[in-house]
Each structure stands twice: as C-alpha cells, then as structure tokens.
C-alpha cells in the first residue's frame, strides 16, 4: 500500500530541518481545524506555529507536550471574540 503524501511530506521536511517530529500529522491538522472553527480561519497556521514553538521548548517531554496541547485546546474552547 502506498504511503499517504502528507505524512511523507511532514517526515521529509522534519528530516530536512533536522528535527524530531513529536506530534503526528493528524493531531496537528485536528488542532488547526479546531483553531480555524473555534477562533477564525487565520488562527489555524498561527496556532500551529505557536504550538510548534512551545513543543520545541518542551524538549520532547511527553508530559509538557500534553500540557501544551491541553492549554491550547482550552484556549480555543474558551475563546470569546468580544464585542
């Protein structure tokens, strides 16, 4: 069976950048979708970028990565655009 192009792209890009891929493609895309629908569409790339920075600062510690994801999901769920 042929490998799907998006995971292959992500793995290749991570390799080219010399980084370990901590989050799976589906998890990243789900988070982007949550941000796009829960905040606004442009929040998707911004959110995934900021999560990437935070995950990088977590040094791959699974507990810290899980905390980052939990905090981001809570922020999205609690988002109120205001007046």
PDB file of N, CA and C in Angstrom:
ATOM      1  N   UNK A   1       0.840  -1.180   0.000  1.00  0.00           N
ATOM      2  CA  UNK A   1       0.000   0.000   0.000  1.00  0.00           C
ATOM      3  C   UNK A   1       0.889   1.249   0.000  1.00  0.00           C
ATOM      4  N   UNK A   2       0.500   2.230  -0.768  1.00  0.00           N
ATOM      5  CA  UNK A   2       1.288   3.454  -0.905  1.00  0.00           C
ATOM      6  C   UNK A   2       1.109   4.356   0.317  1.00  0.00           C
ATOM      7  N   UNK A   3       2.215   4.951   0.747  1.00  0.00           N
ATOM      8  CA  UNK A   3       2.188   5.874   1.875  1.00  0.00           C
ATOM      9  C   UNK A   3       1.473   7.158   1.452  1.00  0.00           C
ATOM     10  N   UNK A   4       0.713   7.739   2.379  1.00  0.00           N
ATOM     11  CA  UNK A   4      -0.007   8.980   2.081  1.00  0.00           C
ATOM     12  C   UNK A   4       0.984  10.127   1.931  1.00  0.00           C
ATOM     13  N   UNK A   5       0.707  11.059   0.998  1.00  0.00           N
ATOM     14  CA  UNK A   5       1.672  12.125   0.707  1.00  0.00           C
ATOM     15  C   UNK A   5       1.906  13.107   1.855  1.00  0.00           C
ATOM     16  N   UNK A   6       0.882  13.459   2.615  1.00  0.00           N
ATOM     17  CA  UNK A   6       1.074  14.477   3.653  1.00  0.00           C
ATOM     18  C   UNK A   6       1.989  13.994   4.779  1.00  0.00           C
ATOM     19  N   UNK A   7       1.768  12.801   5.341  1.00  0.00           N
ATOM     20  CA  UNK A   7       2.726  12.324   6.343  1.00  0.00           C
ATOM     21  C   UNK A   7       4.140  12.176   5.773  1.00  0.00           C
ATOM     22  N   UNK A   8       4.229  11.722   4.528  1.00  0.00           N
ATOM     23  CA  UNK A   8       5.545  11.586   3.893  1.00  0.00           C
ATOM     24  C   UNK A   8       6.213  12.952   3.768  1.00  0.00           C
ATOM     25  N   UNK A   9       5.436  13.975   3.375  1.00  0.00           N
ATOM     26  CA  UNK A   9       5.947  15.344   3.276  1.00  0.00           C
ATOM     27  C   UNK A   9       6.441  15.817   4.641  1.00  0.00           C
ATOM     28  N   UNK A  10       5.622  15.621   5.683  1.00  0.00           N
ATOM     29  CA  UNK A  10       5.983  16.085   7.027  1.00  0.00           C
ATOM     30  C   UNK A  10       7.249  15.392   7.527  1.00  0.00           C
ATOM     31  N   UNK A  11       7.334  14.091   7.317  1.00  0.00           N
ATOM     32  CA  UNK A  11       8.524  13.351   7.750  1.00  0.00           C
ATOM     33  C   UNK A  11       9.771  13.825   7.006  1.00  0.00           C
ATOM     34  N   UNK A  12       9.637  14.040   5.708  1.00  0.00           N
ATOM     35  CA  UNK A  12      10.774  14.516   4.920  1.00  0.00           C
ATOM     36  C   UNK A  12      11.204  15.912   5.314  1.00  0.00           C
ATOM     37  N   UNK A  13      10.237  16.788   5.540  1.00  0.00           N
ATOM     38  CA  UNK A  13      10.559  18.154   5.944  1.00  0.00           C
ATOM     39  C   UNK A  13      11.211  18.170   7.323  1.00  0.00           C
ATOM     40  N   UNK A  14      10.670  17.374   8.251  1.00  0.00           N
ATOM     41  CA  UNK A  14      11.275  17.286   9.588  1.00  0.00           C
ATOM     42  C   UNK A  14      12.722  16.805   9.477  1.00  0.00           C
ATOM     43  N   UNK A  15      12.942  15.816   8.645  1.00  0.00           N
ATOM     44  CA  UNK A  15      14.305  15.304   8.440  1.00  0.00           C
ATOM     45  C   UNK A  15      15.200  16.396   7.857  1.00  0.00           C
ATOM     46  N   UNK A  16      14.696  17.121   6.845  1.00  0.00           N
ATOM     47  CA  UNK A  16      15.480  18.192   6.222  1.00  0.00           C
ATOM     48  C   UNK A  16      15.807  19.308   7.206  1.00  0.00           C
ATOM     49  N   UNK A  17      14.891  19.550   8.148  1.00  0.00           N
ATOM     50  CA  UNK A  17      15.105  20.600   9.148  1.00  0.00           C
ATOM     51  C   UNK A  17      15.917  20.109  10.341  1.00  0.00           C
ATOM     52  N   UNK A  18      16.177  18.814  10.383  1.00  0.00           N
ATOM     53  CA  UNK A  18      16.956  18.243  11.476  1.00  0.00           C
ATOM     54  C   UNK A  18      16.207  18.216  12.792  1.00  0.00           C
ATOM     55  N   UNK A  19      14.890  18.017  12.714  1.00  0.00           N
ATOM     56  CA  UNK A  19      14.089  17.983  13.940  1.00  0.00           C
ATOM     57  C   UNK A  19      13.355  16.656  14.050  1.00  0.00           C
ATOM     58  N   UNK A  20      13.007  16.314  15.284  1.00  0.00           N
ATOM     59  CA  UNK A  20      12.206  15.123  15.529  1.00  0.00           C
ATOM     60  C   UNK A  20      10.742  15.528  15.490  1.00  0.00           C
ATOM     61  N   UNK A  21       9.955  14.746  14.794  1.00  0.00           N
ATOM     62  CA  UNK A  21       8.524  15.028  14.694  1.00  0.00           C
ATOM     63  C   UNK A  21       7.842  14.476  15.940  1.00  0.00           C
ATOM     64  N   UNK A  22       7.424  15.370  16.861  1.00  0.00           N
ATOM     65  CA  UNK A  22       6.839  14.965  18.135  1.00  0.00           C
ATOM     66  C   UNK A  22       5.347  14.692  17.996  1.00  0.00           C
ATOM     67  N   UNK A  23       4.663  15.489  17.199  1.00  0.00           N
ATOM     68  CA  UNK A  23       3.224  15.337  17.006  1.00  0.00           C
ATOM     69  C   UNK A  23       2.950  14.715  15.647  1.00  0.00           C
ATOM     70  N   UNK A  24       1.899  13.927  15.580  1.00  0.00           N
ATOM     71  CA  UNK A  24       1.510  13.322  14.319  1.00  0.00           C
ATOM     72  C   UNK A  24       0.774  14.317  13.433  1.00  0.00           C
ATOM     73  N   UNK A  25       0.760  14.040  12.145  1.00  0.00           N
ATOM     74  CA  UNK A  25       0.103  14.918  11.176  1.00  0.00           C
ATOM     75  C   UNK A  25      -1.375  15.092  11.519  1.00  0.00           C
ATOM     76  N   UNK A  26      -2.063  13.997  11.838  1.00  0.00           N
ATOM     77  CA  UNK A  26      -3.493  14.095  12.153  1.00  0.00           C
ATOM     78  C   UNK A  26      -3.738  14.982  13.372  1.00  0.00           C
ATOM     79  N   UNK A  27      -2.888  14.862  14.376  1.00  0.00           N
ATOM     80  CA  UNK A  27      -3.035  15.677  15.586  1.00  0.00           C
ATOM     81  C   UNK A  27      -2.843  17.163  15.266  1.00  0.00           C
ATOM     82  N   UNK A  28      -1.869  17.470  14.436  1.00  0.00           N
ATOM     83  CA  UNK A  28      -1.619  18.858  14.040  1.00  0.00           C
ATOM     84  C   UNK A  28      -2.788  19.399  13.227  1.00  0.00           C
ATOM     85  N   UNK A  29      -3.278  18.596  12.285  1.00  0.00           N
ATOM     86  CA  UNK A  29      -4.399  19.043  11.453  1.00  0.00           C
ATOM     87  C   UNK A  29      -5.676  19.217  12.269  1.00  0.00           C
ATOM     88  N   UNK A  30      -5.911  18.337  13.237  1.00  0.00           N
ATOM     89  CA  UNK A  30      -7.084  18.484  14.109  1.00  0.00           C
ATOM     90  C   UNK A  30      -6.999  19.774  14.914  1.00  0.00           C
ATOM     91  N   UNK A  31      -5.818  20.068  15.422  1.00  0.00           N
ATOM     92  CA  UNK A  31      -5.623  21.298  16.183  1.00  0.00           C
ATOM     93  C   UNK A  31      -5.838  22.521  15.298  1.00  0.00           C
ATOM     94  N   UNK A  32      -5.337  22.467  14.079  1.00  0.00           N
ATOM     95  CA  UNK A  32      -5.540  23.569  13.132  1.00  0.00           C
ATOM     96  C   UNK A  32      -7.022  23.750  12.826  1.00  0.00           C
ATOM     97  N   UNK A  33      -7.735  22.647  12.637  1.00  0.00           N
ATOM     98  CA  UNK A  33      -9.178  22.725  12.367  1.00  0.00           C
ATOM     99  C   UNK A  33      -9.921  23.319  13.553  1.00  0.00           C
ATOM    100  N   UNK A  34      -9.548  22.899  14.758  1.00  0.00           N
ATOM    101  CA  UNK A  34     -10.188  23.452  15.958  1.00  0.00           C
ATOM    102  C   UNK A  34      -9.972  24.957  16.037  1.00  0.00           C
ATOM    103  N   UNK A  35      -8.756  25.404  15.757  1.00  0.00           N
ATOM    104  CA  UNK A  35      -8.458  26.842  15.800  1.00  0.00           C
ATOM    105  C   UNK A  35      -9.218  27.585  14.711  1.00  0.00           C
ATOM    106  N   UNK A  36      -9.277  27.010  13.519  1.00  0.00           N
ATOM    107  CA  UNK A  36      -9.970  27.662  12.400  1.00  0.00           C
ATOM    108  C   UNK A  36     -11.455  27.817  12.679  1.00  0.00           C
ATOM    109  N   UNK A  37     -12.061  26.799  13.268  1.00  0.00           N
ATOM    110  CA  UNK A  37     -13.503  26.839  13.518  1.00  0.00           C
ATOM    111  C   UNK A  37     -13.848  27.496  14.850  1.00  0.00           C
ATOM    112  N   UNK A  38     -12.945  27.381  15.828  1.00  0.00           N
ATOM    113  CA  UNK A  38     -13.232  27.920  17.151  1.00  0.00           C
ATOM    114  C   UNK A  38     -12.826  29.367  17.333  1.00  0.00           C
ATOM    115  N   UNK A  39     -11.907  29.843  16.511  1.00  0.00           N
ATOM    116  CA  UNK A  39     -11.432  31.231  16.611  1.00  0.00           C
ATOM    117  C   UNK A  39     -11.750  31.929  15.289  1.00  0.00           C
ATOM    118  N   UNK A  40     -10.949  31.675  14.288  1.00  0.00           N
ATOM    119  CA  UNK A  40     -11.182  32.133  12.919  1.00  0.00           C
ATOM    120  C   UNK A  40     -10.154  31.432  12.041  1.00  0.00           C
ATOM    121  N   UNK A  41     -10.422  31.376  10.753  1.00  0.00           N
ATOM    122  CA  UNK A  41      -9.561  30.611   9.847  1.00  0.00           C
ATOM    123  C   UNK A  41      -8.083  30.975   9.943  1.00  0.00           C
ATOM    124  N   UNK A  42      -7.722  32.268   9.958  1.00  0.00           N
ATOM    125  CA  UNK A  42      -6.294  32.584  10.028  1.00  0.00           C
ATOM    126  C   UNK A  42      -5.626  32.144  11.331  1.00  0.00           C
ATOM    127  N   UNK A  43      -6.418  31.760  12.320  1.00  0.00           N
ATOM    128  CA  UNK A  43      -5.837  31.284  13.577  1.00  0.00           C
ATOM    129  C   UNK A  43      -5.176  29.918  13.414  1.00  0.00           C
ATOM    130  N   UNK A  44      -5.552  29.169  12.379  1.00  0.00           N
ATOM    131  CA  UNK A  44      -5.008  27.815  12.202  1.00  0.00           C
ATOM    132  C   UNK A  44      -3.486  27.810  12.036  1.00  0.00           C
ATOM    133  N   UNK A  45      -2.924  28.514  11.049  1.00  0.00           N
ATOM    134  CA  UNK A  45      -1.466  28.463  10.915  1.00  0.00           C
ATOM    135  C   UNK A  45      -0.749  29.139  12.082  1.00  0.00           C
ATOM    136  N   UNK A  46      -1.328  30.195  12.604  1.00  0.00           N
ATOM    137  CA  UNK A  46      -0.707  30.878  13.741  1.00  0.00           C
ATOM    138  C   UNK A  46      -0.669  29.959  14.960  1.00  0.00           C
ATOM    139  N   UNK A  47      -1.770  29.272  15.211  1.00  0.00           N
ATOM    140  CA  UNK A  47      -1.839  28.354  16.345  1.00  0.00           C
ATOM    141  C   UNK A  47      -0.835  27.221  16.195  1.00  0.00           C
ATOM    142  N   UNK A  48      -0.765  26.620  15.016  1.00  0.00           N
ATOM    143  CA  UNK A  48       0.165  25.508  14.840  1.00  0.00           C
ATOM    144  C   UNK A  48       1.617  25.975  14.942  1.00  0.00           C
ATOM    145  N   UNK A  49       1.899  27.177  14.485  1.00  0.00           N
ATOM    146  CA  UNK A  49       3.251  27.726  14.643  1.00  0.00           C
ATOM    147  C   UNK A  49       3.580  27.889  16.131  1.00  0.00           C
ATOM    148  N   UNK A  50       2.671  28.528  16.875  1.00  0.00           N
ATOM    149  CA  UNK A  50       2.921  28.760  18.299  1.00  0.00           C
ATOM    150  C   UNK A  50       3.022  27.447  19.073  1.00  0.00           C
ATOM    151  N   UNK A  51       2.203  26.471  18.706  1.00  0.00           N
ATOM    152  CA  UNK A  51       2.306  25.155  19.333  1.00  0.00           C
ATOM    153  C   UNK A  51       3.669  24.541  19.020  1.00  0.00           C
ATOM    154  N   UNK A  52       4.140  24.694  17.801  1.00  0.00           N
ATOM    155  CA  UNK A  52       5.454  24.176  17.436  1.00  0.00           C
ATOM    156  C   UNK A  52       6.567  24.788  18.269  1.00  0.00           C
ATOM    157  N   UNK A  53       6.487  26.080  18.487  1.00  0.00           N
ATOM    158  CA  UNK A  53       7.485  26.752  19.330  1.00  0.00           C
ATOM    159  C   UNK A  53       7.414  26.200  20.753  1.00  0.00           C
ATOM    160  N   UNK A  54       6.191  26.105  21.292  1.00  0.00           N
ATOM    161  CA  UNK A  54       6.020  25.615  22.663  1.00  0.00           C
ATOM    162  C   UNK A  54       6.481  24.164  22.800  1.00  0.00           C
ATOM    163  N   UNK A  55       6.176  23.339  21.821  1.00  0.00           N
ATOM    164  CA  UNK A  55       6.606  21.941  21.855  1.00  0.00           C
ATOM    165  C   UNK A  55       8.131  21.871  21.775  1.00  0.00           C
ATOM    166  N   UNK A  56       8.733  22.707  20.961  1.00  0.00           N
ATOM    167  CA  UNK A  56      10.188  22.755  20.889  1.00  0.00           C
ATOM    168  C   UNK A  56      10.812  23.126  22.225  1.00  0.00           C
ATOM    169  N   UNK A  57      10.191  24.051  22.924  1.00  0.00           N
ATOM    170  CA  UNK A  57      10.692  24.459  24.232  1.00  0.00           C
ATOM    171  C   UNK A  57      10.445  23.393  25.297  1.00  0.00           C
ATOM    172  N   UNK A  58       9.529  22.466  25.016  1.00  0.00           N
ATOM    173  CA  UNK A  58       9.240  21.384  25.957  1.00  0.00           C
ATOM    174  C   UNK A  58      10.282  20.268  25.865  1.00  0.00           C
ATOM    175  N   UNK A  59      11.224  20.393  24.939  1.00  0.00           N
ATOM    176  CA  UNK A  59      12.318  19.420  24.782  1.00  0.00           C
ATOM    177  C   UNK A  59      11.834  17.985  24.615  1.00  0.00           C
ATOM    178  N   UNK A  60      10.672  17.809  23.993  1.00  0.00           N
ATOM    179  CA  UNK A  60      10.170  16.462  23.733  1.00  0.00           C
ATOM    180  C   UNK A  60       9.611  15.745  24.942  1.00  0.00           C
ATOM    181  N   UNK A  61       9.511  16.428  26.075  1.00  0.00           N
ATOM    182  CA  UNK A  61       8.946  15.824  27.284  1.00  0.00           C
ATOM    183  C   UNK A  61       7.453  15.572  27.047  1.00  0.00           C
ATOM    184  N   UNK A  62       7.027  14.306  27.005  1.00  0.00           N
ATOM    185  CA  UNK A  62       5.633  13.999  26.688  1.00  0.00           C
ATOM    186  C   UNK A  62       4.624  14.686  27.608  1.00  0.00           C
ATOM    187  N   UNK A  63       4.937  14.803  28.889  1.00  0.00           N
ATOM    188  CA  UNK A  63       4.014  15.458  29.824  1.00  0.00           C
ATOM    189  C   UNK A  63       3.877  16.939  29.496  1.00  0.00           C
ATOM    190  N   UNK A  64       4.985  17.580  29.167  1.00  0.00           N
ATOM    191  CA  UNK A  64       4.930  19.008  28.825  1.00  0.00           C
ATOM    192  C   UNK A  64       4.240  19.225  27.487  1.00  0.00           C
ATOM    193  N   UNK A  65       4.458  18.328  26.533  1.00  0.00           N
ATOM    194  CA  UNK A  65       3.778  18.426  25.239  1.00  0.00           C
ATOM    195  C   UNK A  65       2.277  18.274  25.443  1.00  0.00           C
ATOM    196  N   UNK A  66       1.868  17.303  26.254  1.00  0.00           N
ATOM    197  CA  UNK A  66       0.443  17.100  26.544  1.00  0.00           C
ATOM    198  C   UNK A  66      -0.148  18.333  27.211  1.00  0.00           C
ATOM    199  N   UNK A  67       0.610  18.966  28.100  1.00  0.00           N
ATOM    200  CA  UNK A  67       0.135  20.182  28.763  1.00  0.00           C
ATOM    201  C   UNK A  67      -0.044  21.317  27.753  1.00  0.00           C
ATOM    202  N   UNK A  68       0.890  21.453  26.835  1.00  0.00           N
ATOM    203  CA  UNK A  68       0.772  22.476  25.786  1.00  0.00           C
ATOM    204  C   UNK A  68      -0.517  22.267  25.006  1.00  0.00           C
ATOM    205  N   UNK A  69      -0.752  21.032  24.568  1.00  0.00           N
ATOM    206  CA  UNK A  69      -1.947  20.742  23.776  1.00  0.00           C
ATOM    207  C   UNK A  69      -3.222  20.990  24.573  1.00  0.00           C
ATOM    208  N   UNK A  70      -3.210  20.610  25.833  1.00  0.00           N
ATOM    209  CA  UNK A  70      -4.376  20.833  26.695  1.00  0.00           C
ATOM    210  C   UNK A  70      -4.657  22.326  26.857  1.00  0.00           C
ATOM    211  N   UNK A  71      -3.617  23.098  27.071  1.00  0.00           N
ATOM    212  CA  UNK A  71      -3.794  24.543  27.248  1.00  0.00           C
ATOM    213  C   UNK A  71      -4.294  25.208  25.974  1.00  0.00           C
ATOM    214  N   UNK A  72      -3.794  24.768  24.827  1.00  0.00           N
ATOM    215  CA  UNK A  72      -4.236  25.343  23.552  1.00  0.00           C
ATOM    216  C   UNK A  72      -5.698  24.992  23.296  1.00  0.00           C
ATOM    217  N   UNK A  73      -6.055  23.735  23.524  1.00  0.00           N
ATOM    218  CA  UNK A  73      -7.457  23.333  23.321  1.00  0.00           C
ATOM    219  C   UNK A  73      -8.386  24.102  24.252  1.00  0.00           C
ATOM    220  N   UNK A  74      -7.961  24.318  25.493  1.00  0.00           N
ATOM    221  CA  UNK A  74      -8.770  25.094  26.441  1.00  0.00           C
ATOM    222  C   UNK A  74      -8.897  26.541  25.976  1.00  0.00           C
ATOM    223  N   UNK A  75      -7.816  27.101  25.457  1.00  0.00           N
ATOM    224  CA  UNK A  75      -7.862  28.485  24.964  1.00  0.00           C
ATOM    225  C   UNK A  75      -8.816  28.603  23.784  1.00  0.00           C
ATOM    226  N   UNK A  76      -8.795  27.622  22.900  1.00  0.00           N
ATOM    227  CA  UNK A  76      -9.704  27.639  21.748  1.00  0.00           C
ATOM    228  C   UNK A  76     -11.148  27.511  22.222  1.00  0.00           C
ATOM    229  N   UNK A  77     -11.396  26.567  23.122  1.00  0.00           N
ATOM    230  CA  UNK A  77     -12.757  26.339  23.618  1.00  0.00           C
ATOM    231  C   UNK A  77     -13.294  27.553  24.366  1.00  0.00           C
ATOM    232  N   UNK A  78     -12.414  28.268  25.045  1.00  0.00           N
ATOM    233  CA  UNK A  78     -12.843  29.421  25.829  1.00  0.00           C
ATOM    234  C   UNK A  78     -12.774  30.742  25.093  1.00  0.00           C
ATOM    235  N   UNK A  79     -12.411  30.698  23.813  1.00  0.00           N
ATOM    236  CA  UNK A  79     -12.239  31.929  23.046  1.00  0.00           C
ATOM    237  C   UNK A  79     -13.544  32.680  22.916  1.00  0.00           C
ATOM    238  N   UNK A  80     -13.467  33.952  23.229  1.00  0.00           N
ATOM    239  CA  UNK A  80     -14.610  34.851  23.051  1.00  0.00           C
ATOM    240  C   UNK A  80     -14.081  36.058  22.305  1.00  0.00           C
ATOM    241  N   UNK A  81     -14.535  36.217  21.078  1.00  0.00           N
ATOM    242  CA  UNK A  81     -14.036  37.293  20.223  1.00  0.00           C
ATOM    243  C   UNK A  81     -14.325  38.670  20.803  1.00  0.00           C
ATOM    244  N   UNK A  82     -15.312  38.740  21.651  1.00  0.00           N
ATOM    245  CA  UNK A  82     -15.659  40.035  22.244  1.00  0.00           C
ATOM    246  C   UNK A  82     -16.619  40.815  21.375  1.00  0.00           C
ATOM    247  N   UNK A  83     -16.829  42.084  21.750  1.00  0.00           N
ATOM    248  CA  UNK A  83     -17.824  42.896  21.025  1.00  0.00           C
ATOM    249  C   UNK A  83     -17.442  43.184  19.589  1.00  0.00           C
TER     250      UNK A  83
END
